[in-house]
N, C-alpha and C. Protein backbone atom coordinates (compact mmCIF):
# COMPACT_ATOMS: atom_id res chain seq x y z
N MET A 1 -20.66 11.71 5.35
CA MET A 1 -21.60 10.98 5.89
C MET A 1 -21.08 11.38 7.42
N GLN A 2 -21.89 11.90 8.31
CA GLN A 2 -21.77 12.14 9.70
C GLN A 2 -22.14 10.96 10.46
N SER A 3 -21.18 10.81 11.45
CA SER A 3 -21.06 9.73 12.41
C SER A 3 -22.53 9.76 13.11
N VAL A 4 -22.96 8.34 13.85
CA VAL A 4 -24.24 8.88 14.78
C VAL A 4 -23.74 9.47 15.72
N ALA A 5 -22.29 9.20 16.38
CA ALA A 5 -22.05 10.49 17.25
C ALA A 5 -22.36 11.46 17.43
N GLU A 6 -22.22 11.75 15.76
CA GLU A 6 -21.93 13.65 15.51
C GLU A 6 -23.10 13.81 15.32
N VAL A 7 -24.16 13.05 14.71
CA VAL A 7 -25.43 13.37 14.40
C VAL A 7 -26.57 13.39 16.03
N SER A 8 -26.08 12.65 16.72
CA SER A 8 -26.40 12.45 18.04
C SER A 8 -26.25 13.74 18.94
N SER A 9 -25.02 14.22 18.81
CA SER A 9 -24.59 14.98 19.60
C SER A 9 -25.37 16.83 19.12
N ILE A 10 -25.40 16.55 17.67
CA ILE A 10 -26.28 17.88 17.07
C ILE A 10 -27.85 17.91 17.56
N LEU A 11 -28.13 16.63 17.70
CA LEU A 11 -29.67 16.51 18.66
C LEU A 11 -29.80 16.96 19.80
N THR A 12 -28.70 16.70 20.53
CA THR A 12 -29.10 16.78 21.81
C THR A 12 -28.96 18.23 22.29
N GLU A 13 -28.36 19.16 21.33
CA GLU A 13 -28.41 20.41 21.29
C GLU A 13 -30.03 20.94 21.33
N GLY A 14 -30.81 20.00 20.73
CA GLY A 14 -32.16 20.31 20.24
C GLY A 14 -32.15 21.50 19.34
N LEU A 15 -33.32 21.96 19.01
CA LEU A 15 -33.75 22.83 17.91
C LEU A 15 -32.47 24.25 18.01
N ARG A 16 -31.80 24.55 17.05
CA ARG A 16 -30.94 25.50 16.96
C ARG A 16 -31.88 27.20 17.33
N ALA A 17 -30.80 27.66 17.90
CA ALA A 17 -31.50 29.37 18.13
C ALA A 17 -31.60 30.30 16.95
N ASN A 18 -32.23 31.02 16.64
CA ASN A 18 -32.39 31.90 15.21
C ASN A 18 -30.71 32.49 15.53
N THR A 19 -30.39 32.76 14.09
CA THR A 19 -29.45 33.31 13.65
C THR A 19 -29.77 34.71 13.87
N SER A 20 -28.66 35.65 14.09
CA SER A 20 -28.64 36.99 14.03
C SER A 20 -29.24 37.43 12.68
N ARG A 21 -29.26 36.81 11.41
CA ARG A 21 -29.79 37.21 10.35
C ARG A 21 -30.94 36.90 10.44
N GLU A 22 -31.84 35.75 10.77
CA GLU A 22 -32.96 35.48 11.39
C GLU A 22 -33.81 36.75 11.76
N ASN A 23 -33.04 36.87 13.10
CA ASN A 23 -33.27 37.68 13.98
C ASN A 23 -33.72 39.15 13.38
N GLU A 24 -33.07 39.58 12.55
CA GLU A 24 -32.97 40.90 11.69
C GLU A 24 -34.08 40.80 10.98
N TRP A 25 -34.35 39.47 10.06
CA TRP A 25 -35.42 39.41 9.03
C TRP A 25 -36.43 39.78 9.90
N LEU A 26 -36.49 39.19 11.30
CA LEU A 26 -38.01 39.06 12.18
C LEU A 26 -38.63 40.68 12.30
N ALA A 27 -37.14 41.51 13.01
CA ALA A 27 -37.53 42.55 13.21
C ALA A 27 -37.70 43.56 12.37
N SER A 28 -37.28 43.57 10.90
CA SER A 28 -37.39 44.24 9.74
C SER A 28 -38.86 43.90 9.46
N ALA A 29 -39.67 43.08 9.40
CA ALA A 29 -40.88 42.51 9.39
C ALA A 29 -42.04 43.44 10.02
N PRO A 30 -43.34 43.87 9.29
CA PRO A 30 -44.22 44.38 9.91
C PRO A 30 -44.67 43.51 10.87
N PRO A 31 -45.08 44.20 12.35
CA PRO A 31 -45.52 43.21 13.42
C PRO A 31 -46.65 42.28 13.17
N GLU A 32 -47.74 42.79 12.34
CA GLU A 32 -48.65 41.62 12.01
C GLU A 32 -48.48 40.19 11.15
N MET A 33 -46.91 40.48 10.71
CA MET A 33 -46.44 39.68 9.87
C MET A 33 -45.35 38.34 10.75
N GLN A 34 -44.66 39.14 11.77
CA GLN A 34 -43.75 38.73 12.65
C GLN A 34 -44.20 37.35 13.08
N GLU A 35 -45.46 36.71 13.73
CA GLU A 35 -45.72 35.84 14.37
C GLU A 35 -45.90 34.57 12.90
N HIS A 36 -46.16 35.00 11.95
CA HIS A 36 -45.80 33.84 10.70
C HIS A 36 -44.83 33.40 10.33
N MET A 37 -44.12 34.47 10.94
CA MET A 37 -42.56 34.24 10.15
C MET A 37 -42.09 33.51 11.29
N ARG A 38 -42.23 34.20 12.29
CA ARG A 38 -41.54 32.84 13.68
C ARG A 38 -41.79 31.24 13.60
N ALA A 39 -43.24 31.32 12.83
CA ALA A 39 -44.07 29.85 13.03
C ALA A 39 -43.18 29.38 11.23
N GLN A 40 -42.98 30.25 10.30
CA GLN A 40 -42.24 29.66 9.39
C GLN A 40 -40.67 28.75 9.89
N LEU A 41 -40.05 29.79 10.39
CA LEU A 41 -38.59 29.56 10.77
C LEU A 41 -38.65 28.06 11.82
N LEU A 42 -39.88 28.33 12.44
CA LEU A 42 -39.75 26.75 13.69
C LEU A 42 -40.16 26.07 12.71
N MET A 43 -40.98 25.76 11.80
CA MET A 43 -41.21 24.78 10.74
C MET A 43 -39.87 24.20 10.02
N GLN A 44 -39.13 25.13 9.67
CA GLN A 44 -37.61 25.44 9.13
C GLN A 44 -36.66 24.36 10.14
N LYS A 45 -36.96 25.09 11.28
CA LYS A 45 -35.76 23.95 12.32
C LYS A 45 -36.73 22.62 12.78
N GLU A 46 -38.05 22.18 12.82
CA GLU A 46 -38.15 21.09 12.59
C GLU A 46 -38.11 20.43 11.40
N GLN A 47 -38.00 20.90 10.59
CA GLN A 47 -37.78 20.14 8.99
C GLN A 47 -35.75 19.46 9.30
N GLU A 48 -35.30 20.35 9.82
CA GLU A 48 -33.89 20.29 10.04
C GLU A 48 -33.65 19.02 11.13
N LEU A 49 -34.51 19.23 11.68
CA LEU A 49 -34.31 18.02 12.80
C LEU A 49 -34.65 16.78 12.53
N MET A 50 -36.01 16.64 11.96
CA MET A 50 -36.26 15.43 11.05
C MET A 50 -35.34 14.91 10.08
N GLU A 51 -34.47 15.58 9.73
CA GLU A 51 -33.43 15.30 8.82
C GLU A 51 -32.23 14.79 9.11
N GLN A 52 -32.16 15.16 10.56
CA GLN A 52 -30.97 15.34 11.43
C GLN A 52 -30.92 13.22 11.91
N ILE A 53 -32.76 13.19 12.33
CA ILE A 53 -33.13 12.03 12.91
C ILE A 53 -32.96 10.58 11.68
N GLN A 54 -33.05 11.33 10.90
CA GLN A 54 -33.14 10.57 9.70
C GLN A 54 -32.01 10.16 9.06
N GLN A 55 -30.76 11.02 9.42
CA GLN A 55 -29.56 10.57 9.17
C GLN A 55 -29.07 9.64 10.56
N ILE A 56 -29.63 9.33 11.26
CA ILE A 56 -29.08 8.83 12.80
C ILE A 56 -29.40 7.23 12.41
N MET A 57 -30.73 7.47 11.67
CA MET A 57 -31.80 6.24 11.24
C MET A 57 -31.18 5.26 10.03
N LYS A 58 -30.09 6.07 9.19
CA LYS A 58 -29.52 5.53 8.04
C LYS A 58 -28.37 5.20 8.54
N ALA A 59 -27.37 5.90 9.42
CA ALA A 59 -26.47 5.55 10.11
C ALA A 59 -26.28 4.21 10.75
N LYS A 60 -27.45 4.05 11.63
CA LYS A 60 -27.54 3.19 12.40
C LYS A 60 -27.94 1.82 12.04
N SER A 61 -28.76 1.67 10.57
CA SER A 61 -29.18 0.90 9.44
C SER A 61 -27.81 0.56 8.92
N GLU A 62 -26.91 1.23 8.48
CA GLU A 62 -25.45 0.88 7.91
C GLU A 62 -25.04 -0.08 8.64
N ALA A 63 -24.71 0.51 10.12
CA ALA A 63 -23.90 0.10 11.03
C ALA A 63 -24.24 -1.53 11.54
N THR A 64 -25.61 -1.37 11.58
CA THR A 64 -25.76 -2.88 11.57
C THR A 64 -25.51 -3.91 10.56
N LYS A 65 -25.92 -3.44 9.13
CA LYS A 65 -25.37 -3.97 7.90
C LYS A 65 -24.41 -4.49 7.69
N THR A 66 -23.15 -3.67 8.50
CA THR A 66 -21.73 -3.91 8.12
C THR A 66 -21.62 -4.87 9.69
N LEU A 67 -22.46 -4.81 10.77
CA LEU A 67 -21.89 -5.77 11.76
C LEU A 67 -22.33 -7.38 11.29
N GLU A 68 -23.52 -7.49 10.71
CA GLU A 68 -24.09 -8.59 10.63
C GLU A 68 -23.30 -9.08 8.95
N GLN A 69 -22.65 -8.28 8.65
CA GLN A 69 -21.88 -8.82 7.56
C GLN A 69 -20.50 -9.26 7.94
N ASN A 70 -19.83 -8.63 8.85
CA ASN A 70 -18.45 -9.01 9.42
C ASN A 70 -18.69 -10.36 10.28
N ILE A 71 -20.13 -10.44 11.00
CA ILE A 71 -20.24 -11.57 11.73
C ILE A 71 -20.35 -13.07 10.98
N ALA A 72 -21.11 -12.86 9.58
CA ALA A 72 -21.51 -13.90 8.93
C ALA A 72 -20.06 -14.01 8.14
N GLY A 73 -19.27 -13.49 8.02
CA GLY A 73 -18.21 -13.51 7.30
C GLY A 73 -18.20 -13.48 6.18
């Protein structure tokens, strides 16, 4: 599992840029389909971002639980 700092670092970079393979995929598509394909890629990137946010929230929750357990002794 990634630490909060690692996941936070990923998020600060924002949505990732298209890979060269994705750019080739877009370029090889008929022009009338390219906009739809760009939308698909954007939705995929947004899903990746949501997953990263969920990882941060889970890591924060686990850290809080551990802290509470340590305080309670």
